[in-house]
C-alpha atoms as a PDB file:
ATOM      1  CA  MET A   1      54.885 -38.155  36.543  1.00  0.00           C
ATOM      2  CA  ALA A   2      55.767 -41.021  34.217  1.00  0.00           C
ATOM      3  CA  ARG A   3      56.080 -40.132  30.597  1.00  0.00           C
ATOM      4  CA  ARG A   4      53.658 -41.984  28.345  1.00  0.00           C
ATOM      5  CA  ALA A   5      55.158 -43.790  25.343  1.00  0.00           C
ATOM      6  CA  ALA A   6      53.961 -42.684  21.951  1.00  0.00           C
ATOM      7  CA  ALA A   7      51.394 -45.035  20.464  1.00  0.00           C
ATOM      8  CA  PRO A   8      52.594 -46.896  17.370  1.00  0.00           C
ATOM      9  CA  ALA A   9      51.051 -45.822  14.094  1.00  0.00           C
ATOM     10  CA  LEU A  10      48.079 -47.966  13.258  1.00  0.00           C
ATOM     11  CA  LEU A  11      47.500 -49.266   9.752  1.00  0.00           C
ATOM     12  CA  THR A  12      43.863 -48.320  10.112  1.00  0.00           C
ATOM     13  CA  ALA A  13      44.855 -44.688  10.582  1.00  0.00           C
ATOM     14  CA  HIS A  14      45.785 -44.637   6.889  1.00  0.00           C
ATOM     15  CA  HIS A  15      42.557 -46.041   5.459  1.00  0.00           C
ATOM     16  CA  ASP A  16      41.712 -42.925   3.446  1.00  0.00           C
ATOM     17  CA  CYS A  17      45.038 -42.223   1.772  1.00  0.00           C
ATOM     18  CA  GLU A  18      47.524 -43.486  -0.771  1.00  0.00           C
ATOM     19  CA  PHE A  19      49.275 -45.543   1.919  1.00  0.00           C
ATOM     20  CA  ARG A  20      46.416 -48.043   1.737  1.00  0.00           C
ATOM     21  CA  GLU A  21      46.612 -48.093  -2.059  1.00  0.00           C
ATOM     22  CA  VAL A  22      50.292 -49.079  -1.962  1.00  0.00           C
ATOM     23  CA  LEU A  23      49.631 -51.748   0.687  1.00  0.00           C
ATOM     24  CA  ASP A  24      46.864 -53.179  -1.476  1.00  0.00           C
ATOM     25  CA  ARG A  25      49.130 -53.263  -4.515  1.00  0.00           C
ATOM     26  CA  VAL A  26      52.162 -54.880  -2.941  1.00  0.00           C
ATOM     27  CA  GLY A  27      49.941 -57.371  -1.163  1.00  0.00           C
ATOM     28  CA  ASP A  28      48.053 -58.403  -4.278  1.00  0.00           C
ATOM     29  CA  LYS A  29      48.336 -61.768  -5.965  1.00  0.00           C
ATOM     30  CA  TRP A  30      50.952 -60.825  -8.561  1.00  0.00           C
ATOM     31  CA  SER A  31      53.105 -57.953  -7.282  1.00  0.00           C
ATOM     32  CA  LEU A  32      55.030 -60.023  -4.738  1.00  0.00           C
ATOM     33  CA  LEU A  33      55.715 -62.697  -7.334  1.00  0.00           C
ATOM     34  CA  VAL A  34      56.984 -60.155  -9.874  1.00  0.00           C
ATOM     35  CA  ILE A  35      59.258 -58.530  -7.282  1.00  0.00           C
ATOM     36  CA  ALA A  36      60.492 -61.932  -6.072  1.00  0.00           C
ATOM     37  CA  MET A  37      61.223 -63.108  -9.625  1.00  0.00           C
ATOM     38  CA  LEU A  38      63.250 -59.973 -10.333  1.00  0.00           C
ATOM     39  CA  GLU A  39      65.082 -60.282  -7.025  1.00  0.00           C
ATOM     40  CA  GLN A  40      65.979 -63.947  -7.498  1.00  0.00           C
ATOM     41  CA  ARG A  41      67.292 -63.652 -11.056  1.00  0.00           C
ATOM     42  CA  PRO A  42      70.992 -64.240 -11.705  1.00  0.00           C
ATOM     43  CA  THR A  43      71.027 -61.032 -13.786  1.00  0.00           C
ATOM     44  CA  PRO A  44      69.679 -57.721 -12.495  1.00  0.00           C
ATOM     45  CA  ARG A  45      67.316 -57.167 -15.455  1.00  0.00           C
ATOM     46  CA  ALA A  46      64.552 -59.211 -17.068  1.00  0.00           C
ATOM     47  CA  ARG A  47      62.569 -58.902 -20.241  1.00  0.00           C
ATOM     48  CA  PHE A  48      58.776 -59.010 -20.200  1.00  0.00           C
ATOM     49  CA  SER A  49      58.695 -62.462 -21.801  1.00  0.00           C
ATOM     50  CA  GLU A  50      61.132 -63.843 -19.219  1.00  0.00           C
ATOM     51  CA  LEU A  51      58.934 -62.595 -16.384  1.00  0.00           C
ATOM     52  CA  LYS A  52      55.806 -63.989 -18.018  1.00  0.00           C
ATOM     53  CA  ARG A  53      57.415 -67.430 -18.375  1.00  0.00           C
ATOM     54  CA  SER A  54      58.633 -67.409 -14.770  1.00  0.00           C
ATOM     55  CA  ILE A  55      55.207 -66.609 -13.254  1.00  0.00           C
ATOM     56  CA  PRO A  56      52.720 -69.390 -14.055  1.00  0.00           C
ATOM     57  CA  GLY A  57      49.142 -68.291 -14.624  1.00  0.00           C
ATOM     58  CA  ILE A  58      49.706 -64.552 -15.091  1.00  0.00           C
ATOM     59  CA  SER A  59      48.154 -63.076 -18.209  1.00  0.00           C
ATOM     60  CA  GLN A  60      49.949 -60.606 -20.450  1.00  0.00           C
ATOM     61  CA  ARG A  61      47.449 -57.913 -19.483  1.00  0.00           C
ATOM     62  CA  MET A  62      47.876 -58.531 -15.741  1.00  0.00           C
ATOM     63  CA  LEU A  63      51.671 -58.590 -15.976  1.00  0.00           C
ATOM     64  CA  THR A  64      51.618 -55.307 -17.901  1.00  0.00           C
ATOM     65  CA  ALA A  65      49.359 -53.660 -15.298  1.00  0.00           C
ATOM     66  CA  THR A  66      51.412 -55.032 -12.400  1.00  0.00           C
ATOM     67  CA  LEU A  67      54.712 -53.848 -13.885  1.00  0.00           C
ATOM     68  CA  ARG A  68      53.255 -50.407 -14.558  1.00  0.00           C
ATOM     69  CA  SER A  69      51.996 -50.089 -10.971  1.00  0.00           C
ATOM     70  CA  LEU A  70      55.294 -51.232  -9.475  1.00  0.00           C
ATOM     71  CA  GLU A  71      57.167 -48.775 -11.701  1.00  0.00           C
ATOM     72  CA  ARG A  72      54.841 -45.972 -10.594  1.00  0.00           C
ATOM     73  CA  ASP A  73      55.552 -46.793  -6.940  1.00  0.00           C
ATOM     74  CA  GLY A  74      59.299 -46.713  -7.549  1.00  0.00           C
ATOM     75  CA  LEU A  75      59.894 -50.421  -6.906  1.00  0.00           C
ATOM     76  CA  LEU A  76      61.196 -51.177 -10.388  1.00  0.00           C
ATOM     77  CA  THR A  77      62.514 -49.428 -13.469  1.00  0.00           C
ATOM     78  CA  ARG A  78      61.609 -49.933 -17.103  1.00  0.00           C
ATOM     79  CA  GLN A  79      64.383 -49.524 -19.663  1.00  0.00           C
ATOM     80  CA  VAL A  80      63.372 -49.241 -23.340  1.00  0.00           C
ATOM     81  CA  TYR A  81      66.065 -49.870 -25.962  1.00  0.00           C
ATOM     82  CA  ALA A  82      65.744 -48.282 -29.412  1.00  0.00           C
ATOM     83  CA  GLU A  83      66.041 -51.512 -31.377  1.00  0.00           C
ATOM     84  CA  VAL A  84      63.942 -53.335 -33.918  1.00  0.00           C
ATOM     85  CA  PRO A  85      62.047 -55.095 -32.526  1.00  0.00           C
ATOM     86  CA  PRO A  86      61.919 -52.929 -29.405  1.00  0.00           C
ATOM     87  CA  ARG A  87      63.500 -54.410 -26.306  1.00  0.00           C
ATOM     88  CA  VAL A  88      62.212 -53.543 -22.822  1.00  0.00           C
ATOM     89  CA  GLU A  89      63.840 -54.678 -19.591  1.00  0.00           C
ATOM     90  CA  TYR A  90      62.750 -54.360 -15.981  1.00  0.00           C
ATOM     91  CA  ALA A  91      64.920 -54.179 -12.869  1.00  0.00           C
ATOM     92  CA  LEU A  92      64.334 -53.643  -9.177  1.00  0.00           C
ATOM     93  CA  THR A  93      65.252 -50.270  -7.767  1.00  0.00           C
ATOM     94  CA  PRO A  94      67.071 -50.041  -4.426  1.00  0.00           C
ATOM     95  CA  LEU A  95      63.621 -49.444  -2.899  1.00  0.00           C
ATOM     96  CA  GLY A  96      62.331 -52.647  -4.527  1.00  0.00           C
ATOM     97  CA  ARG A  97      65.297 -54.639  -3.205  1.00  0.00           C
ATOM     98  CA  GLN A  98      64.768 -53.209   0.296  1.00  0.00           C
ATOM     99  CA  PHE A  99      61.104 -54.198   0.087  1.00  0.00           C
ATOM    100  CA  MET A 100      62.121 -57.855  -0.109  1.00  0.00           C
ATOM    101  CA  GLN A 101      63.734 -57.800   3.355  1.00  0.00           C
ATOM    102  CA  PRO A 102      60.451 -57.673   5.308  1.00  0.00           C
ATOM    103  CA  VAL A 103      58.811 -59.983   2.762  1.00  0.00           C
ATOM    104  CA  ARG A 104      61.469 -62.637   3.428  1.00  0.00           C
ATOM    105  CA  GLY A 105      60.770 -62.206   7.154  1.00  0.00           C
ATOM    106  CA  LEU A 106      57.066 -62.800   6.561  1.00  0.00           C
ATOM    107  CA  VAL A 107      57.766 -65.864   4.421  1.00  0.00           C
ATOM    108  CA  THR A 108      60.107 -67.243   7.094  1.00  0.00           C
ATOM    109  CA  TRP A 109      57.391 -66.734   9.713  1.00  0.00           C
ATOM    110  CA  LEU A 110      54.840 -68.492   7.475  1.00  0.00           C
ATOM    111  CA  GLN A 111      57.166 -71.413   6.852  1.00  0.00           C
ATOM    112  CA  THR A 112      57.861 -71.748  10.571  1.00  0.00           C
ATOM    113  CA  HIS A 113      54.168 -71.653  11.511  1.00  0.00           C
ATOM    114  CA  TRP A 114      52.578 -73.253   8.448  1.00  0.00           C
ATOM    115  CA  SER A 115      51.800 -76.571  10.141  1.00  0.00           C
ATOM    116  CA  ALA A 116      50.046 -74.758  13.018  1.00  0.00           C
ATOM    117  CA  ILE A 117      48.047 -72.625  10.569  1.00  0.00           C
ATOM    118  CA  ARG A 118      47.081 -75.682   8.534  1.00  0.00           C
ATOM    119  CA  ALA A 119      46.053 -77.589  11.691  1.00  0.00           C
ATOM    120  CA  ALA A 120      43.922 -74.638  12.845  1.00  0.00           C
ATOM    121  CA  ARG A 121      42.238 -74.440   9.444  1.00  0.00           C
ATOM    122  CA  GLU A 122      41.547 -78.175   9.355  1.00  0.00           C
ATOM    123  CA  LYS A 123      40.067 -78.059  12.848  1.00  0.00           C
ATOM    124  CA  PHE A 124      37.904 -75.072  11.909  1.00  0.00           C
ATOM    125  CA  ASP A 125      36.730 -76.785   8.711  1.00  0.00           C
ATOM    126  CA  ARG A 126      35.919 -80.047  10.548  1.00  0.00           C
ATOM    127  CA  GLU A 127      33.869 -78.181  13.141  1.00  0.00           C
ATOM    128  CA  ARG A 128      31.998 -76.239  10.477  1.00  0.00           C
ATOM    129  CA  SER A 129      31.366 -79.236   8.216  1.00  0.00           C
ATOM    130  CA  SER A 130      28.719 -80.473  10.641  1.00  0.00           C
ATOM    131  CA  MET A 131      26.807 -77.207  10.125  1.00  0.00           C
ATOM    132  CA  GLY A 132      25.662 -77.964   6.581  1.00  0.00           C
ATOM    133  CA  PRO A 133      26.609 -77.904   2.892  1.00  0.00           C
ATOM    134  CA  ALA A 134      26.971 -74.116   2.535  1.00  0.00           C
ATOM    135  CA  VAL A 135      29.690 -74.034   5.184  1.00  0.00           C
ATOM    136  CA  SER A 136      31.306 -77.103   3.633  1.00  0.00           C
ATOM    137  CA  ARG A 137      31.601 -75.340   0.247  1.00  0.00           C
ATOM    138  CA  ARG A 138      33.299 -72.389   1.947  1.00  0.00           C
ATOM    139  CA  ALA A 139      35.743 -74.787   3.615  1.00  0.00           C
ATOM    140  CA  GLN A 140      36.617 -76.306   0.225  1.00  0.00           C
ATOM    141  CA  ALA A 141      37.219 -72.836  -1.206  1.00  0.00           C
ATOM    142  CA  ALA A 142      39.425 -71.991   1.778  1.00  0.00           C
ATOM    143  CA  GLU A 143      41.463 -75.171   1.221  1.00  0.00           C
ATOM    144  CA  SER A 144      41.939 -74.196  -2.413  1.00  0.00           C
ATOM    145  CA  THR A 145      43.249 -70.811  -1.252  1.00  0.00           C
ATOM    146  CA  THR A 146      45.554 -72.561   1.225  1.00  0.00           C
ATOM    147  CA  ARG A 147      47.080 -74.626  -1.576  1.00  0.00           C
ATOM    148  CA  SER A 148      47.501 -71.522  -3.722  1.00  0.00           C
ATOM    149  CA  VAL A 149      49.307 -69.681  -0.905  1.00  0.00           C
ATOM    150  CA  ALA A 150      51.578 -72.665  -0.302  1.00  0.00           C
ATOM    151  CA  ASN A 151      52.477 -72.769  -4.000  1.00  0.00           C
ATOM    152  CA  ARG A 152      53.236 -69.022  -4.062  1.00  0.00           C
ATOM    153  CA  GLN A 153      55.433 -69.350  -0.961  1.00  0.00           C
ATOM    154  CA  ALA A 154      57.903 -71.352  -2.975  1.00  0.00           C
ATOM    155  CA  HIS A 155      58.347 -68.340  -5.260  1.00  0.00           C
ATOM    156  CA  VAL A 156      59.236 -65.897  -2.456  1.00  0.00           C
ATOM    157  CA  ALA A 157      61.223 -68.183  -0.188  1.00  0.00           C
ATOM    158  CA  PRO A 158      64.085 -66.539   1.697  1.00  0.00           C
ATOM    159  CA  ARG A 159      67.379 -66.683  -0.120  1.00  0.00           C
ATOM    160  CA  PRO A 160      70.331 -67.704   2.032  1.00  0.00           C
ATOM    161  CA  GLY A 161      73.062 -65.105   2.209  1.00  0.00           C
ATOM    162  CA  ARG A 162      71.050 -62.342   0.453  1.00  0.00           C
ATOM    163  CA  ASP A 163      70.060 -59.515   2.745  1.00  0.00           C
END
């Protein structure tokens, strides 16, 4: 009798546990950008103000919350120096650096297939625009999201020679 292969773990099998919480966090709007900014820096550490300047549109409150969450998950460290004024620096942990490997793969896939995704979206929006103004407003919102994703892609682009 042939042996049946084990079924791969499904993401939906983890919907009631902390696994989902971590996926939500690292997939949110800011976490990937913070990790990418730390990973792409010429120095291994960054101060809060440097991160804030390098991530357009992030508020001080959101950056603080994002850094705290990433530290809690073990993706970065926070080093406080006993100076006046206090100096705090953030750095990726080995786990945080490893996290960027699959992210670069995803970004590469998106860059390779972006024109096909855009064409599919435009076709969908054209077909729906004949259905009325409510659908048209949703299409405009989707296009705005598309532009936002394209802008964020530039921040997490694969880095040649860094694996």
